[in-house]
Amino acid sequence: MFFSAYNSFIIICEFFKILNHGCISLTSWVFTTGGSGIVVGHPFDTIKTMQQTQTVSKTGVNGFQLLRNVWTTYGLRGLFKGLTYPVVTYGATNAAFFCGAEYTRQVFLKNKADGKLSYFQIYLTGCVGGICPVAILCPTELVKIRLQDQLNTKRKLYSGSIDCTRKLWQKHGPLVFTNGMFATALRDIYTWGFYLVTFEYLRDKLGERGMHYIISELIAGGFAGTVSWTLATPFDVVKSRLQASETKLRLLDVVKALYRENGMKAFTRGMFWSAFRAFPSNSVTLFGYAEMMRWCDRFNQRKYNS
């Protein structure tokens, strides 16, 4: 997995033409530190997805009931349905985001004598970075959601990620893996912006209070993940419904159907589990990002001075 993530990272760096900025230093440490967070947080993601895709007749079943049902029926293994692709593509996903964000940061810094971006520029940096992983996230999350939704329907259509991919391809063709692409983009672009700006703002404020930079970055990263996933929930609900459906649906039709089911409350399904999962994994990921950015800046400064 390490080498797969590393190779994906190299390819993405070449694509963005930013090796001369030192962004190559965003190597495996950034992407593997949070990899454990993906594994630990996946049971919460499973419950979140089940809440978002459950049928109208089951909308009264809360997350803790779903957790108990899965544990009773499938055991611990059931909570890790669909884990394979998120783990395998974790490096490429984060490489795409952080390289896109770093490229944008370098563009903004060209006109900054003091080397500091405004919070609005940081937000835009996150938004641009958020566009980059969409093509990776959409197909991998589609397979993940199909496997997790089987826990709701109790129909075992797929035995695993590879089997699900093969059967979907055979039945619908390769375009099936683009289902929910627009919803994924709507979910991720603005939330990645809030992700970075929340991190930078809290890190600055905690640093002003004299808090050690490691502690401030871990806290800021955790809250940034919680805030961004809370804001992402409405579109995440829509995306989950789109991708769980056996038939191709229009985004607007899904929005209308959800509203008819439970009003605006329908768009908050899974919010608690998303926020709960987000703090520890994003705490480590953004601390790693900040460390690598410092390395990049020192690397570029040495190149400039030489």
Foldseek 3Di string as FASTA:
>chain_A
DQVLLQVLLVVLCVVLVCVVLVLNLLHSQLQVLLLVLLVVLQLLVLLLLQQLAADLVCVVQASVNLSVLQCVPPNPVLSCALSVLCNSCSSNLVSQLLSQLVSLLVVVQVPPPVSDDDLVSLLQSQLRSQLRNLLSCQLSVLLRLQRSNCSNVVDPPAPGSVRSVVVCCVVPNPCLSCFLSVLSSVLGRNLSSQLRSQQVVQLVVVVVVVDDSLVSLLQSQLVSQLVSLQSSQLSVSLSSNQSNDPDHDDSVVSVVVQCVSPRPVSSRRSSVSSSVSRRNSRSSSRSSSVVSVVVSVVVSVVVVVD
